Amino acid sequence: MGQNFKEMPKEEIKKHVKQFLKERKVLVLCTCNENIPRATPMDFYIDKKAGPDDFNIYVGPAPGRKVKNLKANPNISIGIYTPMDTGKVQGMQITASEKNLVLLEQGDEGFEHAQKIVRGKRKLLLKVIPEKIELLDYDFVKQGYSRLQVLEF
């Protein structure tokens, strides 16, 4: 990070992260097993009633390789971005590991709450509690901040 650019105050970063998540609907969930990565585009949801420090993301994964990968290697990365044709350079990287991934099935504590957040009836829900959120936005430079801002939990 250049000498002229600085870290944004934490509360301001949080507001930008919340706004970014509210304005988008699709993420790319990256999993890996036996050194073979898999990137899966998926709809995602956030709890619109959540407090300012809740950045949890919910997805409804269909059973398949990504779920097998999650169970074998519970370290994930999530990418969310603004399409380049908007003229903006913006992207978010979210990192989470085993202690912050919750696979929920019918009957599990928290499933009904998560089901209310995610559109459509699901048999399986994944709650991701971010450990690290990196938000890249070239517009931050105009405000005197580094284009990359990081929230760690």
C-alpha atoms as a PDB file:
ATOM      1  CA  MET A   1       0.000   0.000   0.000  1.00  0.00           C
ATOM      2  CA  GLY A   2       1.546   3.251  -1.180  1.00  0.00           C
ATOM      3  CA  GLN A   3       2.673   5.971   1.186  1.00  0.00           C
ATOM      4  CA  ASN A   4      -0.132   8.329   0.087  1.00  0.00           C
ATOM      5  CA  PHE A   5      -2.847   5.771   0.681  1.00  0.00           C
ATOM      6  CA  LYS A   6      -4.093   4.677   4.033  1.00  0.00           C
ATOM      7  CA  GLU A   7      -6.357   2.181   5.694  1.00  0.00           C
ATOM      8  CA  MET A   8      -9.973   3.221   6.014  1.00  0.00           C
ATOM      9  CA  PRO A   9     -11.466   3.416   9.538  1.00  0.00           C
ATOM     10  CA  LYS A  10     -12.916   0.004  10.470  1.00  0.00           C
ATOM     11  CA  GLU A  11     -16.527   1.225  10.760  1.00  0.00           C
ATOM     12  CA  GLU A  12     -16.315   2.767   7.287  1.00  0.00           C
ATOM     13  CA  ILE A  13     -14.882  -0.437   5.794  1.00  0.00           C
ATOM     14  CA  LYS A  14     -17.771  -2.368   7.384  1.00  0.00           C
ATOM     15  CA  LYS A  15     -20.319  -0.042   5.734  1.00  0.00           C
ATOM     16  CA  HIS A  16     -18.690  -0.493   2.321  1.00  0.00           C
ATOM     17  CA  VAL A  17     -18.585  -4.289   2.764  1.00  0.00           C
ATOM     18  CA  LYS A  18     -22.285  -4.419   3.783  1.00  0.00           C
ATOM     19  CA  GLN A  19     -23.281  -2.240   0.837  1.00  0.00           C
ATOM     20  CA  PHE A  20     -21.233  -4.344  -1.579  1.00  0.00           C
ATOM     21  CA  LEU A  21     -22.885  -7.554  -0.340  1.00  0.00           C
ATOM     22  CA  LYS A  22     -26.402  -6.049  -0.449  1.00  0.00           C
ATOM     23  CA  GLU A  23     -25.972  -5.013  -4.087  1.00  0.00           C
ATOM     24  CA  ARG A  24     -24.850  -8.412  -5.389  1.00  0.00           C
ATOM     25  CA  LYS A  25     -26.481 -11.807  -5.726  1.00  0.00           C
ATOM     26  CA  VAL A  26     -23.847 -14.161  -7.181  1.00  0.00           C
ATOM     27  CA  LEU A  27     -20.566 -15.438  -5.773  1.00  0.00           C
ATOM     28  CA  VAL A  28     -17.980 -17.964  -6.849  1.00  0.00           C
ATOM     29  CA  LEU A  29     -17.379 -20.584  -4.152  1.00  0.00           C
ATOM     30  CA  CYS A  30     -13.883 -22.066  -4.395  1.00  0.00           C
ATOM     31  CA  THR A  31     -13.205 -25.419  -2.785  1.00  0.00           C
ATOM     32  CA  CYS A  32     -10.341 -27.871  -3.151  1.00  0.00           C
ATOM     33  CA  ASN A  33      -9.777 -31.559  -2.541  1.00  0.00           C
ATOM     34  CA  GLU A  34      -6.682 -33.655  -3.272  1.00  0.00           C
ATOM     35  CA  ASN A  35      -5.095 -30.589  -4.872  1.00  0.00           C
ATOM     36  CA  ILE A  36      -7.907 -30.244  -7.431  1.00  0.00           C
ATOM     37  CA  PRO A  37      -9.662 -26.862  -7.142  1.00  0.00           C
ATOM     38  CA  ARG A  38     -13.305 -26.279  -8.009  1.00  0.00           C
ATOM     39  CA  ALA A  39     -14.940 -22.879  -8.556  1.00  0.00           C
ATOM     40  CA  THR A  40     -18.745 -22.870  -8.476  1.00  0.00           C
ATOM     41  CA  PRO A  41     -20.898 -19.808  -9.251  1.00  0.00           C
ATOM     42  CA  MET A  42     -23.872 -19.686  -6.853  1.00  0.00           C
ATOM     43  CA  ASP A  43     -26.616 -17.352  -5.681  1.00  0.00           C
ATOM     44  CA  PHE A  44     -25.972 -16.073  -2.179  1.00  0.00           C
ATOM     45  CA  TYR A  45     -28.005 -14.413   0.537  1.00  0.00           C
ATOM     46  CA  ILE A  46     -27.337 -12.283   3.573  1.00  0.00           C
ATOM     47  CA  ASP A  47     -29.610 -11.786   6.566  1.00  0.00           C
ATOM     48  CA  LYS A  48     -31.159  -8.382   5.888  1.00  0.00           C
ATOM     49  CA  LYS A  49     -32.124  -8.119   9.576  1.00  0.00           C
ATOM     50  CA  ALA A  50     -28.579  -8.812  10.780  1.00  0.00           C
ATOM     51  CA  GLY A  51     -26.608  -6.329  12.828  1.00  0.00           C
ATOM     52  CA  PRO A  52     -23.708  -4.224  11.519  1.00  0.00           C
ATOM     53  CA  ASP A  53     -21.116  -6.810  12.568  1.00  0.00           C
ATOM     54  CA  ASP A  54     -22.836  -9.790  10.907  1.00  0.00           C
ATOM     55  CA  PHE A  55     -21.313 -10.533   7.505  1.00  0.00           C
ATOM     56  CA  ASN A  56     -22.559 -14.130   7.298  1.00  0.00           C
ATOM     57  CA  ILE A  57     -23.319 -15.462   3.838  1.00  0.00           C
ATOM     58  CA  TYR A  58     -25.797 -18.226   3.092  1.00  0.00           C
ATOM     59  CA  VAL A  59     -25.877 -20.494   0.050  1.00  0.00           C
ATOM     60  CA  GLY A  60     -27.957 -23.543  -0.795  1.00  0.00           C
ATOM     61  CA  PRO A  61     -25.511 -26.004  -2.351  1.00  0.00           C
ATOM     62  CA  ALA A  62     -26.887 -28.954  -4.277  1.00  0.00           C
ATOM     63  CA  PRO A  63     -25.170 -32.192  -3.227  1.00  0.00           C
ATOM     64  CA  GLY A  64     -22.156 -32.801  -5.433  1.00  0.00           C
ATOM     65  CA  ARG A  65     -18.419 -32.306  -5.715  1.00  0.00           C
ATOM     66  CA  LYS A  66     -18.341 -28.924  -3.924  1.00  0.00           C
ATOM     67  CA  VAL A  67     -20.030 -30.441  -0.842  1.00  0.00           C
ATOM     68  CA  LYS A  68     -17.657 -33.435  -0.934  1.00  0.00           C
ATOM     69  CA  ASN A  69     -14.746 -31.001  -1.209  1.00  0.00           C
ATOM     70  CA  LEU A  70     -16.058 -28.967   1.757  1.00  0.00           C
ATOM     71  CA  LYS A  71     -16.230 -32.067   3.916  1.00  0.00           C
ATOM     72  CA  ALA A  72     -12.749 -33.249   2.880  1.00  0.00           C
ATOM     73  CA  ASN A  73     -11.080 -29.819   3.007  1.00  0.00           C
ATOM     74  CA  PRO A  74     -13.076 -27.150   4.863  1.00  0.00           C
ATOM     75  CA  ASN A  75     -10.967 -24.197   3.681  1.00  0.00           C
ATOM     76  CA  ILE A  76     -12.796 -22.032   1.203  1.00  0.00           C
ATOM     77  CA  SER A  77     -12.441 -18.840  -0.711  1.00  0.00           C
ATOM     78  CA  ILE A  78     -15.314 -16.811  -2.130  1.00  0.00           C
ATOM     79  CA  GLY A  79     -15.039 -14.291  -4.925  1.00  0.00           C
ATOM     80  CA  ILE A  80     -17.661 -11.621  -5.641  1.00  0.00           C
ATOM     81  CA  TYR A  81     -17.117  -8.912  -8.210  1.00  0.00           C
ATOM     82  CA  THR A  82     -18.648  -6.062 -10.152  1.00  0.00           C
ATOM     83  CA  PRO A  83     -18.805  -6.850 -13.887  1.00  0.00           C
ATOM     84  CA  MET A  84     -16.128  -4.915 -15.782  1.00  0.00           C
ATOM     85  CA  ASP A  85     -18.673  -3.460 -18.221  1.00  0.00           C
ATOM     86  CA  THR A  86     -19.918  -1.191 -15.417  1.00  0.00           C
ATOM     87  CA  GLY A  87     -16.667   0.780 -15.663  1.00  0.00           C
ATOM     88  CA  LYS A  88     -15.841   0.001 -12.010  1.00  0.00           C
ATOM     89  CA  VAL A  89     -12.990  -2.132 -10.708  1.00  0.00           C
ATOM     90  CA  GLN A  90     -14.443  -3.747  -7.590  1.00  0.00           C
ATOM     91  CA  GLY A  91     -14.076  -7.184  -6.110  1.00  0.00           C
ATOM     92  CA  MET A  92     -14.339  -9.004  -2.820  1.00  0.00           C
ATOM     93  CA  GLN A  93     -12.421 -12.005  -1.531  1.00  0.00           C
ATOM     94  CA  ILE A  94     -13.764 -13.853   1.510  1.00  0.00           C
ATOM     95  CA  THR A  95     -11.817 -16.513   3.370  1.00  0.00           C
ATOM     96  CA  ALA A  96     -13.219 -19.039   5.849  1.00  0.00           C
ATOM     97  CA  SER A  97     -12.173 -22.376   7.325  1.00  0.00           C
ATOM     98  CA  GLU A  98     -13.708 -25.300   9.203  1.00  0.00           C
ATOM     99  CA  LYS A  99     -14.570 -23.444  12.397  1.00  0.00           C
ATOM    100  CA  ASN A 100     -16.524 -20.865  10.373  1.00  0.00           C
ATOM    101  CA  LEU A 101     -18.406 -23.115   7.957  1.00  0.00           C
ATOM    102  CA  VAL A 102     -21.745 -24.551   9.067  1.00  0.00           C
ATOM    103  CA  LEU A 103     -23.464 -27.149   6.867  1.00  0.00           C
ATOM    104  CA  LEU A 104     -27.101 -27.270   7.908  1.00  0.00           C
ATOM    105  CA  GLU A 105     -29.678 -29.950   7.141  1.00  0.00           C
ATOM    106  CA  GLN A 106     -33.352 -30.162   8.063  1.00  0.00           C
ATOM    107  CA  GLY A 107     -33.604 -30.648  11.829  1.00  0.00           C
ATOM    108  CA  ASP A 108     -30.259 -29.010  12.607  1.00  0.00           C
ATOM    109  CA  GLU A 109     -30.218 -26.042  14.960  1.00  0.00           C
ATOM    110  CA  GLY A 110     -30.198 -22.896  12.814  1.00  0.00           C
ATOM    111  CA  PHE A 111     -31.607 -24.568   9.678  1.00  0.00           C
ATOM    112  CA  GLU A 112     -35.052 -22.938   9.898  1.00  0.00           C
ATOM    113  CA  HIS A 113     -33.534 -19.482  10.429  1.00  0.00           C
ATOM    114  CA  ALA A 114     -31.201 -19.967   7.448  1.00  0.00           C
ATOM    115  CA  GLN A 115     -34.062 -21.320   5.310  1.00  0.00           C
ATOM    116  CA  LYS A 116     -35.950 -18.038   5.873  1.00  0.00           C
ATOM    117  CA  ILE A 117     -32.949 -16.107   4.508  1.00  0.00           C
ATOM    118  CA  VAL A 118     -32.356 -18.299   1.438  1.00  0.00           C
ATOM    119  CA  ARG A 119     -34.928 -18.253  -1.345  1.00  0.00           C
ATOM    120  CA  GLY A 120     -36.482 -21.612  -2.250  1.00  0.00           C
ATOM    121  CA  LYS A 121     -36.771 -24.810  -0.229  1.00  0.00           C
ATOM    122  CA  ARG A 122     -33.363 -26.392   0.305  1.00  0.00           C
ATOM    123  CA  LYS A 123     -32.264 -29.696   1.770  1.00  0.00           C
ATOM    124  CA  LEU A 124     -28.805 -28.399   2.568  1.00  0.00           C
ATOM    125  CA  LEU A 125     -27.650 -24.896   3.508  1.00  0.00           C
ATOM    126  CA  LEU A 126     -24.161 -23.552   4.024  1.00  0.00           C
ATOM    127  CA  LYS A 127     -23.580 -20.684   6.422  1.00  0.00           C
ATOM    128  CA  VAL A 128     -20.228 -18.976   5.903  1.00  0.00           C
ATOM    129  CA  ILE A 129     -18.921 -16.848   8.764  1.00  0.00           C
ATOM    130  CA  PRO A 130     -16.086 -14.849   7.167  1.00  0.00           C
ATOM    131  CA  GLU A 131     -12.686 -14.839   8.838  1.00  0.00           C
ATOM    132  CA  LYS A 132     -11.250 -12.307   6.422  1.00  0.00           C
ATOM    133  CA  ILE A 133     -12.881 -10.000   3.875  1.00  0.00           C
ATOM    134  CA  GLU A 134     -10.758  -8.154   1.353  1.00  0.00           C
ATOM    135  CA  LEU A 135     -12.546  -5.421  -0.603  1.00  0.00           C
ATOM    136  CA  LEU A 136     -10.861  -3.974  -3.672  1.00  0.00           C
ATOM    137  CA  ASP A 137     -12.360  -0.748  -5.010  1.00  0.00           C
ATOM    138  CA  TYR A 138     -10.357   1.673  -7.136  1.00  0.00           C
ATOM    139  CA  ASP A 139     -12.784   4.449  -6.100  1.00  0.00           C
ATOM    140  CA  PHE A 140     -11.250   4.321  -2.590  1.00  0.00           C
ATOM    141  CA  VAL A 141      -8.126   5.975  -4.044  1.00  0.00           C
ATOM    142  CA  LYS A 142     -10.177   9.120  -4.832  1.00  0.00           C
ATOM    143  CA  GLN A 143     -10.893   9.348  -1.091  1.00  0.00           C
ATOM    144  CA  GLY A 144      -7.187   9.020  -0.195  1.00  0.00           C
ATOM    145  CA  TYR A 145      -7.404   5.375   0.880  1.00  0.00           C
ATOM    146  CA  SER A 146      -5.693   2.290  -0.446  1.00  0.00           C
ATOM    147  CA  ARG A 147      -7.742   0.530  -3.128  1.00  0.00           C
ATOM    148  CA  LEU A 148      -7.551  -2.670  -1.035  1.00  0.00           C
ATOM    149  CA  GLN A 149      -9.198  -2.651   2.384  1.00  0.00           C
ATOM    150  CA  VAL A 150      -9.176  -5.660   4.720  1.00  0.00           C
ATOM    151  CA  LEU A 151     -11.502  -6.738   7.544  1.00  0.00           C
ATOM    152  CA  GLU A 152     -10.249  -9.563   9.762  1.00  0.00           C
ATOM    153  CA  PHE A 153     -12.366 -11.219  12.417  1.00  0.00           C
END
